[in-house]
Amino acid sequence: MNLKRSLSALIILTMLFTGCSNYQVQNEDITLPDEATKQKTMTKVQNDVSEIINKDYDYVLSNLGEPNATAYWIDKNKIDSLDTLDDVEDLKDINLIYLKNVSDESANSTSLYLHLKDKIVKNAQIVDYPNSRSNIIKNTNKSKILIDCYTDGDIVRMSDLDMEKLDNFIGADSSEMSTIVGNKQSSYDAYLYDKVEKSINVYNLDNEDKLLAIFTKDNKISEIKILDNKEEVINEIKNIMLDN
């Protein structure tokens, strides 16, 4: 399975945003670990997940490194409190996701999932997302919005987009997004599993600060637009999530 598709699927399962600005940069006291330390810690946690329970966020970063994704949850009725992408870092309910072996894509069917409250690890588990996807989505809190921001979002070239034909995808199945952008990893996305399932996937473009945003409702592409900069992302998330 493609590494980037694996990560996207896992985020949807564990349900919100890889830190849009780097937490390690903000907290200069944190020293990121070398590969030996990361592997040693990962092995220890795989053998006994209780090893990392009640550890704080700084400990996790210092021993496991930066996560492949950080997922932030926010109540639907509180989404208006976010003015910029940086505001998600103040949210207290987060998930950290670490692929178990990023050098071997065949090993990525399971990953380490950490749930933190107030930056303390409250739950840790090895997630096997292909077998548990339907149950996790079914049990997702319908009042919560999941927002993701990836550290390794790909650049989509404007020259690869047929701008005149993008509207032809409106109403198409959400799987057709790969026809538009290929296997590119989005830089930002958000999900709401309410009466109407909604999502927005945002890709960085190779045209200054512009981004490509693809919206879906009930697994159908509902809108495609070009955003001028990332400051518009939060407003677009609010618009689609609060639009009945």
Protein backbone atom coordinates (compact mmCIF):
# COMPACT_ATOMS: atom_id res chain seq x y z
CA MET A 1 0.00 0.00 0.00
CA ASN A 2 1.29 3.43 -0.89
CA LEU A 3 2.86 5.09 2.16
CA LYS A 4 0.95 8.34 1.78
CA ARG A 5 -2.38 6.58 1.28
CA SER A 6 -1.62 4.50 4.37
CA LEU A 7 -1.07 7.60 6.47
CA SER A 8 -4.23 9.27 5.16
CA ALA A 9 -6.32 6.20 5.90
CA LEU A 10 -4.91 5.93 9.42
CA ILE A 11 -5.71 9.56 10.18
CA ILE A 12 -9.33 9.06 9.15
CA LEU A 13 -9.55 6.04 11.39
CA THR A 14 -8.03 7.36 14.55
CA MET A 15 -9.53 10.67 13.96
CA LEU A 16 -7.35 15.76 13.25
CA PHE A 17 -4.01 18.35 12.00
CA THR A 18 -0.30 17.60 11.99
CA GLY A 19 1.02 20.61 13.88
CA CYS A 20 0.97 23.35 11.28
CA SER A 21 3.90 25.05 12.85
CA ASN A 22 6.62 22.89 14.30
CA TYR A 23 6.18 22.35 18.06
CA GLN A 24 9.85 21.48 18.43
CA VAL A 25 10.78 24.85 16.97
CA GLN A 26 8.50 26.61 19.44
CA ASN A 27 9.98 24.72 22.38
CA GLU A 28 13.71 24.98 21.81
CA ASP A 29 14.45 22.98 24.97
CA ILE A 30 13.40 19.80 23.15
CA THR A 31 16.15 17.86 21.42
CA LEU A 32 14.85 15.47 18.80
CA PRO A 33 16.26 11.94 19.11
CA ASP A 34 18.57 10.07 16.77
CA GLU A 35 17.32 7.02 14.86
CA ALA A 36 18.71 4.57 17.44
CA THR A 37 16.77 6.26 20.26
CA LYS A 38 13.57 6.34 18.20
CA GLN A 39 13.82 2.66 17.31
CA LYS A 40 14.66 1.68 20.90
CA THR A 41 11.68 3.62 22.25
CA MET A 42 9.34 2.30 19.57
CA THR A 43 10.34 -1.29 20.32
CA LYS A 44 9.85 -0.74 24.05
CA VAL A 45 6.38 0.75 23.52
CA GLN A 46 5.38 -1.97 21.05
CA ASN A 47 6.25 -4.58 23.67
CA ASP A 48 4.36 -2.76 26.41
CA VAL A 49 2.32 0.32 25.57
CA SER A 50 2.05 1.19 29.27
CA GLU A 51 5.69 2.34 29.02
CA ILE A 52 4.51 5.62 27.50
CA ILE A 53 1.27 6.16 29.43
CA ASN A 54 1.33 9.40 31.50
CA LYS A 55 4.42 10.68 29.68
CA ASP A 56 4.21 14.28 28.54
CA TYR A 57 4.36 15.63 24.98
CA ASP A 58 7.97 16.78 25.36
CA TYR A 59 9.03 13.29 26.43
CA VAL A 60 7.30 11.77 23.40
CA LEU A 61 9.03 14.15 20.98
CA SER A 62 12.39 13.67 22.70
CA ASN A 63 12.20 9.88 22.44
CA LEU A 64 10.06 9.13 19.38
CA GLY A 65 10.73 12.26 17.35
CA GLU A 66 8.14 14.23 15.45
CA PRO A 67 5.01 12.21 14.61
CA ASN A 68 4.02 11.48 11.04
CA ALA A 69 0.76 13.21 11.89
CA THR A 70 -0.86 15.01 14.79
CA ALA A 71 -4.65 14.96 14.87
CA TYR A 72 -6.58 17.64 16.73
CA TRP A 73 -10.25 17.31 17.69
CA ILE A 74 -12.58 20.25 18.15
CA ASP A 75 -16.30 20.42 18.88
CA LYS A 76 -18.30 21.54 15.88
CA ASN A 77 -19.87 24.36 17.88
CA LYS A 78 -16.39 25.69 18.82
CA ILE A 79 -14.85 25.78 15.34
CA ASP A 80 -15.49 29.54 15.17
CA SER A 81 -12.93 30.01 17.96
CA LEU A 82 -10.15 29.18 15.48
CA ASP A 83 -8.91 32.19 13.52
CA THR A 84 -5.73 30.68 12.00
CA LEU A 85 -4.12 27.30 11.51
CA ASP A 86 -1.74 28.05 14.38
CA ASP A 87 -4.70 28.15 16.77
CA VAL A 88 -5.12 24.37 16.55
CA GLU A 89 -1.97 23.99 18.67
CA ASP A 90 -3.92 25.31 21.64
CA LEU A 91 -6.41 22.43 21.45
CA LYS A 92 -6.11 19.96 24.32
CA ASP A 93 -7.46 16.78 22.70
CA ILE A 94 -4.88 15.41 20.26
CA ASN A 95 -3.69 12.18 18.67
CA LEU A 96 -0.10 11.47 17.62
CA ILE A 97 0.48 8.86 14.93
CA TYR A 98 3.79 7.15 14.24
CA LEU A 99 4.27 4.76 11.34
CA LYS A 100 6.08 1.75 12.78
CA ASN A 101 8.60 1.46 9.96
CA VAL A 102 8.75 4.30 7.46
CA SER A 103 11.50 2.53 5.46
CA ASP A 104 9.27 -0.44 4.61
CA GLU A 105 5.89 0.44 3.14
CA SER A 106 4.68 -3.15 3.49
CA ALA A 107 4.96 -2.77 7.29
CA ASN A 108 2.69 0.25 7.47
CA SER A 109 -0.59 -1.59 8.01
CA THR A 110 -0.08 -0.99 11.75
CA SER A 111 1.11 2.13 13.53
CA LEU A 112 1.52 3.52 17.02
CA TYR A 113 -1.38 5.73 18.06
CA LEU A 114 -1.14 7.99 21.12
CA HIS A 115 -4.04 9.95 22.58
CA LEU A 116 -3.08 12.97 24.68
CA LYS A 117 -5.16 15.18 26.94
CA ASP A 118 -3.51 18.38 28.14
CA LYS A 119 -0.27 17.12 26.53
CA ILE A 120 -0.19 13.94 28.67
CA VAL A 121 -0.44 10.48 27.07
CA LYS A 122 -3.69 8.91 28.27
CA ASN A 123 -3.95 6.03 25.83
CA ALA A 124 -1.56 4.16 23.55
CA GLN A 125 -2.25 1.38 21.12
CA ILE A 126 -1.00 -0.30 18.00
CA VAL A 127 -3.67 0.38 15.37
CA ASP A 128 -4.44 -2.04 12.56
CA TYR A 129 -6.54 0.28 10.41
CA PRO A 130 -7.57 -1.99 7.50
CA ASN A 131 -9.55 -4.25 9.86
CA SER A 132 -10.98 -1.59 12.14
CA ARG A 133 -11.89 1.28 9.81
CA SER A 134 -15.65 0.70 9.63
CA ASN A 135 -16.06 0.31 13.40
CA ILE A 136 -14.04 3.43 14.22
CA ILE A 137 -15.91 5.61 11.74
CA LYS A 138 -19.24 4.21 12.95
CA ASN A 139 -18.39 5.14 16.56
CA THR A 140 -16.95 8.58 15.79
CA ASN A 141 -18.40 11.43 17.84
CA LYS A 142 -20.67 13.22 15.37
CA SER A 143 -20.19 16.58 17.08
CA LYS A 144 -16.41 16.57 16.56
CA ILE A 145 -14.45 17.97 13.63
CA LEU A 146 -11.13 16.36 12.74
CA ILE A 147 -8.53 18.69 11.18
CA ASP A 148 -5.18 17.37 9.86
CA CYS A 149 -2.04 19.14 8.67
CA TYR A 150 0.77 16.94 7.34
CA THR A 151 4.47 17.56 7.78
CA ASP A 152 5.20 15.95 4.41
CA GLY A 153 2.44 17.41 2.22
CA ASP A 154 3.29 17.19 -1.48
CA ILE A 155 3.44 20.01 -4.00
CA VAL A 156 0.91 19.81 -6.83
CA ARG A 157 2.11 21.41 -10.05
CA MET A 158 -0.30 23.85 -11.65
CA SER A 159 0.83 22.53 -15.04
CA ASP A 160 -0.59 19.11 -14.08
CA LEU A 161 -4.07 20.56 -13.49
CA ASP A 162 -6.51 21.02 -16.33
CA MET A 163 -8.19 24.07 -14.81
CA GLU A 164 -10.91 24.21 -17.46
CA LYS A 165 -12.03 20.67 -16.69
CA LEU A 166 -11.95 20.72 -12.86
CA ASP A 167 -15.66 21.51 -12.67
CA ASN A 168 -16.33 18.26 -14.54
CA PHE A 169 -15.46 16.43 -11.30
CA ILE A 170 -18.28 18.06 -9.33
CA GLY A 171 -20.64 15.27 -8.29
CA ALA A 172 -18.04 12.56 -8.92
CA ASP A 173 -17.11 10.01 -6.27
CA SER A 174 -14.47 11.26 -3.82
CA SER A 175 -12.09 8.56 -5.07
CA GLU A 176 -11.77 10.65 -8.23
CA MET A 177 -9.55 13.07 -6.28
CA SER A 178 -6.65 10.82 -7.26
CA THR A 179 -7.49 11.54 -10.90
CA ILE A 180 -7.04 15.23 -10.17
CA VAL A 181 -3.90 15.17 -8.00
CA GLY A 182 -2.54 11.63 -8.41
CA ASN A 183 -1.17 10.04 -5.23
CA LYS A 184 -0.15 13.38 -3.74
CA GLN A 185 -0.42 13.82 0.02
CA SER A 186 -2.57 16.77 1.03
CA SER A 187 -1.05 19.41 3.29
CA TYR A 188 -4.28 19.98 5.22
CA ASP A 189 -7.58 18.20 5.53
CA ALA A 190 -10.62 18.14 7.77
CA TYR A 191 -13.50 15.72 8.36
CA LEU A 192 -16.95 15.75 9.93
CA TYR A 193 -18.97 12.53 10.22
CA ASP A 194 -22.39 14.00 10.91
CA LYS A 195 -25.73 13.42 9.16
CA VAL A 196 -23.87 14.56 6.06
CA GLU A 197 -20.25 13.40 5.90
CA LYS A 198 -18.03 16.30 4.87
CA SER A 199 -14.37 16.76 4.11
CA ILE A 200 -11.92 19.24 2.66
CA ASN A 201 -8.51 18.28 1.25
CA VAL A 202 -6.03 21.09 0.64
CA TYR A 203 -2.87 20.74 -1.47
CA ASN A 204 0.06 23.12 -1.77
CA LEU A 205 0.57 24.37 -5.31
CA ASP A 206 3.83 25.37 -6.98
CA ASN A 207 2.42 28.87 -7.56
CA GLU A 208 3.57 31.15 -4.74
CA ASP A 209 1.29 30.62 -1.71
CA LYS A 210 -1.72 29.25 -3.59
CA LEU A 211 -3.46 26.02 -2.62
CA LEU A 212 -5.92 23.65 -4.26
CA ALA A 213 -8.98 22.82 -2.11
CA ILE A 214 -11.26 19.87 -2.90
CA PHE A 215 -14.51 19.60 -0.93
CA THR A 216 -16.71 16.52 -0.54
CA LYS A 217 -20.17 15.82 0.87
CA ASP A 218 -21.33 12.23 1.39
CA ASN A 219 -18.30 10.97 -0.53
CA LYS A 220 -19.07 13.10 -3.59
CA ILE A 221 -16.90 15.99 -4.76
CA SER A 222 -18.97 19.11 -4.12
CA GLU A 223 -16.56 21.96 -4.94
CA ILE A 224 -13.03 22.63 -6.16
CA LYS A 225 -11.34 25.99 -5.74
CA ILE A 226 -7.96 27.72 -5.63
CA LEU A 227 -7.09 29.47 -2.34
CA ASP A 228 -4.75 32.45 -2.32
CA ASN A 229 -2.90 31.43 0.88
CA LYS A 230 -3.10 29.14 3.92
CA GLU A 231 -4.84 31.85 5.98
CA GLU A 232 -7.96 31.00 3.98
CA VAL A 233 -7.91 27.33 5.03
CA ILE A 234 -9.60 27.77 8.42
CA ASN A 235 -12.38 29.89 6.89
CA GLU A 236 -13.01 27.24 4.24
CA ILE A 237 -13.15 24.55 6.94
CA LYS A 238 -15.69 26.62 8.85
CA ASN A 239 -17.75 27.21 5.71
CA ILE A 240 -18.12 23.56 4.75
CA MET A 241 -18.48 22.18 8.28
CA LEU A 242 -21.10 24.68 9.41
CA ASP A 243 -23.03 24.69 6.14
CA ASN A 244 -26.15 22.59 6.53
